[in-house]
Amino acid sequence: WGERCYDYIVRFESAFRQHLGVRHAIATSSGTGALHMGMAGLGIGPGDEVILADINWIASVAPIVHLGAKPVLVDVLPDTWCLDPAAVVTAITPRTKAILAVHLYGNLCEMDALTAIAQAHGLHLIEDAAEAIGSIWHGRRAGSMGAFGAFSFHGTKTLTTGEGGIFVTNDDALYEQVLTLSNH
């Protein structure tokens, strides 16, 4: 309680924002919480589908289910264990609202291909970068390339705060929506 009770959080958000080169960062209770609020901010809900890899931890799937949407699981590439762009294309339906690119074990999804697919089909491209802090795709940091990125600071991650997460975006309107959700 008091005027300085959030100083460390504000400093951490600022440092993380600068590190990634994004305009906005919101500290969250977990990486799962960051995904949940970000997807809610994009309007993902009942009847929608979100495509993601079939080998991810439940934390990537849980926000989709909690929002009433359907996770659509597809295969991964054998060299990175990340989303296979060809499998993503074949899974798209009229109900698909987003692609969740989960960067796994420091490996990054094929972001150029996924960005092109998302743009061609009018879909949101979301990055779960919980396991990719420090990874770079053609000069851009993991988490900075999609509609939003989500990171985890759980004790098992490369950078840890013991628990917690962070939501990052360059989208001003999405930031305001998620900021409102995070305050309530």
C-alpha atoms as a PDB file:
ATOM      1  CA  TRP A   1       0.000   0.000   0.000  1.00  0.00           C
ATOM      2  CA  GLY A   2       1.310   3.420  -0.858  1.00  0.00           C
ATOM      3  CA  GLU A   3       2.443   5.434  -3.778  1.00  0.00           C
ATOM      4  CA  ARG A   4       5.593   3.384  -4.469  1.00  0.00           C
ATOM      5  CA  CYS A   5       4.235  -0.157  -4.036  1.00  0.00           C
ATOM      6  CA  TYR A   6       4.507  -0.938  -7.774  1.00  0.00           C
ATOM      7  CA  ASP A   7       7.939   0.595  -8.439  1.00  0.00           C
ATOM      8  CA  TYR A   8       9.681  -2.743  -9.045  1.00  0.00           C
ATOM      9  CA  ILE A   9       6.933  -3.962 -11.358  1.00  0.00           C
ATOM     10  CA  VAL A  10       7.003  -0.733 -13.366  1.00  0.00           C
ATOM     11  CA  ARG A  11      10.806  -0.955 -13.634  1.00  0.00           C
ATOM     12  CA  PHE A  12      10.608  -4.595 -14.732  1.00  0.00           C
ATOM     13  CA  GLU A  13       7.916  -3.866 -17.357  1.00  0.00           C
ATOM     14  CA  SER A  14       9.978  -0.972 -18.712  1.00  0.00           C
ATOM     15  CA  ALA A  15      13.178  -3.030 -18.911  1.00  0.00           C
ATOM     16  CA  PHE A  16      11.389  -5.926 -20.590  1.00  0.00           C
ATOM     17  CA  ARG A  17       9.677  -3.594 -23.077  1.00  0.00           C
ATOM     18  CA  GLN A  18      13.033  -2.060 -23.980  1.00  0.00           C
ATOM     19  CA  HIS A  19      14.738  -5.457 -24.257  1.00  0.00           C
ATOM     20  CA  LEU A  20      12.127  -6.685 -26.756  1.00  0.00           C
ATOM     21  CA  GLY A  21      11.694  -3.387 -28.591  1.00  0.00           C
ATOM     22  CA  VAL A  22       7.918  -3.295 -28.054  1.00  0.00           C
ATOM     23  CA  ARG A  23       5.680  -0.402 -26.988  1.00  0.00           C
ATOM     24  CA  HIS A  24       3.765  -2.110 -24.178  1.00  0.00           C
ATOM     25  CA  ALA A  25       4.335  -4.657 -21.407  1.00  0.00           C
ATOM     26  CA  ILE A  26       2.033  -5.708 -18.568  1.00  0.00           C
ATOM     27  CA  ALA A  27       3.269  -7.919 -15.740  1.00  0.00           C
ATOM     28  CA  THR A  28       0.852 -10.789 -15.048  1.00  0.00           C
ATOM     29  CA  SER A  29       0.386 -13.574 -12.536  1.00  0.00           C
ATOM     30  CA  SER A  30       1.670 -16.149 -15.050  1.00  0.00           C
ATOM     31  CA  GLY A  31       2.412 -16.773 -18.712  1.00  0.00           C
ATOM     32  CA  THR A  32      -0.942 -18.558 -18.880  1.00  0.00           C
ATOM     33  CA  GLY A  33      -2.612 -15.441 -17.476  1.00  0.00           C
ATOM     34  CA  ALA A  34      -0.887 -13.311 -20.129  1.00  0.00           C
ATOM     35  CA  LEU A  35      -2.181 -15.639 -22.869  1.00  0.00           C
ATOM     36  CA  HIS A  36      -5.676 -15.656 -21.361  1.00  0.00           C
ATOM     37  CA  MET A  37      -5.996 -11.876 -21.133  1.00  0.00           C
ATOM     38  CA  GLY A  38      -4.424 -11.339 -24.550  1.00  0.00           C
ATOM     39  CA  MET A  39      -6.816 -13.781 -26.220  1.00  0.00           C
ATOM     40  CA  ALA A  40      -9.767 -12.242 -24.372  1.00  0.00           C
ATOM     41  CA  GLY A  41      -8.573  -8.828 -25.555  1.00  0.00           C
ATOM     42  CA  LEU A  42      -8.615 -10.106 -29.147  1.00  0.00           C
ATOM     43  CA  GLY A  43     -12.219 -11.246 -28.661  1.00  0.00           C
ATOM     44  CA  ILE A  44     -11.513 -14.980 -28.849  1.00  0.00           C
ATOM     45  CA  GLY A  45     -14.446 -16.873 -27.390  1.00  0.00           C
ATOM     46  CA  PRO A  46     -17.156 -19.508 -27.863  1.00  0.00           C
ATOM     47  CA  GLY A  47     -17.264 -20.961 -31.364  1.00  0.00           C
ATOM     48  CA  ASP A  48     -13.774 -19.762 -32.279  1.00  0.00           C
ATOM     49  CA  GLU A  49     -10.831 -22.020 -33.067  1.00  0.00           C
ATOM     50  CA  VAL A  50      -7.165 -21.469 -32.248  1.00  0.00           C
ATOM     51  CA  ILE A  51      -4.526 -23.546 -34.022  1.00  0.00           C
ATOM     52  CA  LEU A  52      -1.460 -24.660 -32.060  1.00  0.00           C
ATOM     53  CA  ALA A  53       1.057 -27.491 -31.937  1.00  0.00           C
ATOM     54  CA  ASP A  54       0.040 -30.872 -30.551  1.00  0.00           C
ATOM     55  CA  ILE A  55       3.024 -31.270 -28.202  1.00  0.00           C
ATOM     56  CA  ASN A  56       2.663 -28.182 -26.008  1.00  0.00           C
ATOM     57  CA  TRP A  57       2.196 -28.017 -22.260  1.00  0.00           C
ATOM     58  CA  ILE A  58      -1.405 -27.599 -21.089  1.00  0.00           C
ATOM     59  CA  ALA A  59      -0.724 -23.965 -20.128  1.00  0.00           C
ATOM     60  CA  SER A  60      -0.906 -22.994 -23.817  1.00  0.00           C
ATOM     61  CA  VAL A  61      -4.232 -24.789 -24.304  1.00  0.00           C
ATOM     62  CA  ALA A  62      -5.947 -23.808 -21.034  1.00  0.00           C
ATOM     63  CA  PRO A  63      -6.690 -20.153 -21.940  1.00  0.00           C
ATOM     64  CA  ILE A  64      -8.328 -21.238 -25.196  1.00  0.00           C
ATOM     65  CA  VAL A  65     -10.579 -23.678 -23.350  1.00  0.00           C
ATOM     66  CA  HIS A  66     -11.338 -21.208 -20.532  1.00  0.00           C
ATOM     67  CA  LEU A  67     -12.517 -18.667 -23.122  1.00  0.00           C
ATOM     68  CA  GLY A  68     -14.887 -21.254 -24.616  1.00  0.00           C
ATOM     69  CA  ALA A  69     -12.917 -21.589 -27.842  1.00  0.00           C
ATOM     70  CA  LYS A  70     -11.644 -24.824 -29.363  1.00  0.00           C
ATOM     71  CA  PRO A  71      -7.940 -25.721 -29.557  1.00  0.00           C
ATOM     72  CA  VAL A  72      -7.059 -27.271 -32.921  1.00  0.00           C
ATOM     73  CA  LEU A  73      -3.905 -29.329 -32.544  1.00  0.00           C
ATOM     74  CA  VAL A  74      -1.557 -29.810 -35.501  1.00  0.00           C
ATOM     75  CA  ASP A  75       1.813 -31.467 -36.111  1.00  0.00           C
ATOM     76  CA  VAL A  76       5.248 -29.928 -35.613  1.00  0.00           C
ATOM     77  CA  LEU A  77       8.417 -29.769 -37.651  1.00  0.00           C
ATOM     78  CA  PRO A  78      10.900 -32.525 -36.758  1.00  0.00           C
ATOM     79  CA  ASP A  79      13.896 -30.201 -36.415  1.00  0.00           C
ATOM     80  CA  THR A  80      12.423 -27.496 -34.139  1.00  0.00           C
ATOM     81  CA  TRP A  81       9.370 -29.167 -32.568  1.00  0.00           C
ATOM     82  CA  CYS A  82       7.504 -25.976 -33.463  1.00  0.00           C
ATOM     83  CA  LEU A  83       4.369 -25.521 -35.581  1.00  0.00           C
ATOM     84  CA  ASP A  84       4.457 -26.951 -39.091  1.00  0.00           C
ATOM     85  CA  PRO A  85       3.143 -24.123 -41.323  1.00  0.00           C
ATOM     86  CA  ALA A  86       1.759 -26.638 -43.858  1.00  0.00           C
ATOM     87  CA  ALA A  87      -0.250 -28.328 -41.087  1.00  0.00           C
ATOM     88  CA  VAL A  88      -1.556 -24.923 -39.986  1.00  0.00           C
ATOM     89  CA  VAL A  89      -2.875 -24.148 -43.468  1.00  0.00           C
ATOM     90  CA  THR A  90      -4.757 -27.445 -43.714  1.00  0.00           C
ATOM     91  CA  ALA A  91      -6.369 -26.875 -40.288  1.00  0.00           C
ATOM     92  CA  ILE A  92      -7.859 -23.443 -41.060  1.00  0.00           C
ATOM     93  CA  THR A  93     -11.668 -23.320 -41.116  1.00  0.00           C
ATOM     94  CA  PRO A  94     -14.170 -20.444 -41.217  1.00  0.00           C
ATOM     95  CA  ARG A  95     -14.170 -20.561 -37.382  1.00  0.00           C
ATOM     96  CA  THR A  96     -10.391 -20.151 -37.027  1.00  0.00           C
ATOM     97  CA  LYS A  97      -9.602 -16.902 -35.236  1.00  0.00           C
ATOM     98  CA  ALA A  98      -5.927 -17.263 -34.341  1.00  0.00           C
ATOM     99  CA  ILE A  99      -2.676 -19.186 -34.640  1.00  0.00           C
ATOM    100  CA  LEU A 100      -0.761 -19.708 -31.405  1.00  0.00           C
ATOM    101  CA  ALA A 101       2.932 -20.000 -32.217  1.00  0.00           C
ATOM    102  CA  VAL A 102       4.547 -21.680 -29.208  1.00  0.00           C
ATOM    103  CA  HIS A 103       8.311 -21.282 -29.354  1.00  0.00           C
ATOM    104  CA  LEU A 104       9.701 -24.415 -27.766  1.00  0.00           C
ATOM    105  CA  TYR A 105      13.029 -24.984 -25.970  1.00  0.00           C
ATOM    106  CA  GLY A 106      14.493 -21.772 -27.408  1.00  0.00           C
ATOM    107  CA  ASN A 107      13.541 -22.804 -30.946  1.00  0.00           C
ATOM    108  CA  LEU A 108      11.381 -20.324 -32.826  1.00  0.00           C
ATOM    109  CA  CYS A 109       8.415 -21.080 -35.035  1.00  0.00           C
ATOM    110  CA  GLU A 110       8.714 -20.250 -38.735  1.00  0.00           C
ATOM    111  CA  MET A 111       7.454 -16.713 -38.147  1.00  0.00           C
ATOM    112  CA  ASP A 112       7.726 -15.508 -41.747  1.00  0.00           C
ATOM    113  CA  ALA A 113       5.533 -18.352 -42.999  1.00  0.00           C
ATOM    114  CA  LEU A 114       3.074 -18.074 -40.095  1.00  0.00           C
ATOM    115  CA  THR A 115       2.799 -14.301 -40.530  1.00  0.00           C
ATOM    116  CA  ALA A 116       2.005 -14.754 -44.222  1.00  0.00           C
ATOM    117  CA  ILE A 117      -0.610 -17.425 -43.413  1.00  0.00           C
ATOM    118  CA  ALA A 118      -2.214 -15.251 -40.730  1.00  0.00           C
ATOM    119  CA  GLN A 119      -2.352 -12.226 -43.029  1.00  0.00           C
ATOM    120  CA  ALA A 120      -3.749 -14.227 -45.958  1.00  0.00           C
ATOM    121  CA  HIS A 121      -6.573 -15.618 -43.804  1.00  0.00           C
ATOM    122  CA  GLY A 122      -7.251 -12.589 -41.573  1.00  0.00           C
ATOM    123  CA  LEU A 123      -6.100 -14.385 -38.416  1.00  0.00           C
ATOM    124  CA  HIS A 124      -4.358 -13.193 -35.264  1.00  0.00           C
ATOM    125  CA  LEU A 125      -0.839 -14.567 -34.803  1.00  0.00           C
ATOM    126  CA  ILE A 126      -0.018 -14.964 -31.108  1.00  0.00           C
ATOM    127  CA  GLU A 127       3.379 -15.864 -29.635  1.00  0.00           C
ATOM    128  CA  ASP A 128       3.801 -18.025 -26.560  1.00  0.00           C
ATOM    129  CA  ALA A 129       7.442 -17.217 -25.920  1.00  0.00           C
ATOM    130  CA  ALA A 130       7.613 -18.687 -22.408  1.00  0.00           C
ATOM    131  CA  GLU A 131      10.610 -20.827 -23.385  1.00  0.00           C
ATOM    132  CA  ALA A 132      12.251 -18.425 -25.803  1.00  0.00           C
ATOM    133  CA  ILE A 133      13.518 -15.431 -23.842  1.00  0.00           C
ATOM    134  CA  GLY A 134      16.602 -14.297 -25.733  1.00  0.00           C
ATOM    135  CA  SER A 135      15.797 -16.118 -28.977  1.00  0.00           C
ATOM    136  CA  ILE A 136      15.886 -14.025 -32.154  1.00  0.00           C
ATOM    137  CA  TRP A 137      14.202 -14.521 -35.545  1.00  0.00           C
ATOM    138  CA  HIS A 138      15.911 -12.492 -38.313  1.00  0.00           C
ATOM    139  CA  GLY A 139      16.763  -9.624 -35.967  1.00  0.00           C
ATOM    140  CA  ARG A 140      13.470  -9.637 -34.038  1.00  0.00           C
ATOM    141  CA  ARG A 141      13.119 -10.996 -30.530  1.00  0.00           C
ATOM    142  CA  ALA A 142      10.725 -13.787 -29.654  1.00  0.00           C
ATOM    143  CA  GLY A 143       7.416 -12.374 -28.455  1.00  0.00           C
ATOM    144  CA  SER A 144       7.691  -9.124 -30.438  1.00  0.00           C
ATOM    145  CA  MET A 145       6.346 -10.291 -33.807  1.00  0.00           C
ATOM    146  CA  GLY A 146       2.724 -11.325 -33.291  1.00  0.00           C
ATOM    147  CA  ALA A 147      -0.435  -9.497 -32.248  1.00  0.00           C
ATOM    148  CA  PHE A 148       0.945 -10.080 -28.765  1.00  0.00           C
ATOM    149  CA  GLY A 149       3.527 -12.160 -26.976  1.00  0.00           C
ATOM    150  CA  ALA A 150       3.338 -13.941 -23.634  1.00  0.00           C
ATOM    151  CA  PHE A 151       6.224 -14.959 -21.389  1.00  0.00           C
ATOM    152  CA  SER A 152       6.466 -17.035 -18.220  1.00  0.00           C
ATOM    153  CA  PHE A 153       8.835 -16.483 -15.329  1.00  0.00           C
ATOM    154  CA  HIS A 154       8.030 -19.748 -13.565  1.00  0.00           C
ATOM    155  CA  GLY A 155      10.930 -21.347 -11.709  1.00  0.00           C
ATOM    156  CA  THR A 156      11.590 -23.707 -14.642  1.00  0.00           C
ATOM    157  CA  LYS A 157      12.150 -20.933 -17.194  1.00  0.00           C
ATOM    158  CA  THR A 158      15.404 -19.339 -18.391  1.00  0.00           C
ATOM    159  CA  LEU A 159      14.586 -16.066 -16.624  1.00  0.00           C
ATOM    160  CA  THR A 160      12.622 -16.538 -13.431  1.00  0.00           C
ATOM    161  CA  THR A 161      10.913 -14.402 -10.834  1.00  0.00           C
ATOM    162  CA  GLY A 162       9.760 -17.562  -9.060  1.00  0.00           C
ATOM    163  CA  GLU A 163       6.367 -17.212 -10.748  1.00  0.00           C
ATOM    164  CA  GLY A 164       4.669 -14.629 -12.912  1.00  0.00           C
ATOM    165  CA  GLY A 165       4.498 -13.692 -16.552  1.00  0.00           C
ATOM    166  CA  ILE A 166       4.283 -10.754 -18.893  1.00  0.00           C
ATOM    167  CA  PHE A 167       2.076  -9.693 -21.808  1.00  0.00           C
ATOM    168  CA  VAL A 168       3.732  -7.634 -24.579  1.00  0.00           C
ATOM    169  CA  THR A 169       2.345  -5.921 -27.670  1.00  0.00           C
ATOM    170  CA  ASN A 170       2.775  -3.061 -30.113  1.00  0.00           C
ATOM    171  CA  ASP A 171      -1.009  -2.707 -30.503  1.00  0.00           C
ATOM    172  CA  ASP A 172      -2.199   0.324 -28.504  1.00  0.00           C
ATOM    173  CA  ALA A 173      -5.885  -0.716 -28.443  1.00  0.00           C
ATOM    174  CA  LEU A 174      -5.088  -4.290 -27.417  1.00  0.00           C
ATOM    175  CA  TYR A 175      -2.798  -2.982 -24.680  1.00  0.00           C
ATOM    176  CA  GLU A 176      -5.597  -0.814 -23.262  1.00  0.00           C
ATOM    177  CA  GLN A 177      -8.019  -3.757 -23.349  1.00  0.00           C
ATOM    178  CA  VAL A 178      -5.597  -6.099 -21.575  1.00  0.00           C
ATOM    179  CA  LEU A 179      -4.609  -3.395 -19.073  1.00  0.00           C
ATOM    180  CA  THR A 180      -8.296  -3.094 -18.123  1.00  0.00           C
ATOM    181  CA  LEU A 181      -8.609  -6.888 -17.809  1.00  0.00           C
ATOM    182  CA  SER A 182      -5.421  -7.125 -15.732  1.00  0.00           C
ATOM    183  CA  ASN A 183      -6.718  -4.527 -13.285  1.00  0.00           C
ATOM    184  CA  HIS A 184      -9.861  -6.550 -12.599  1.00  0.00           C
END
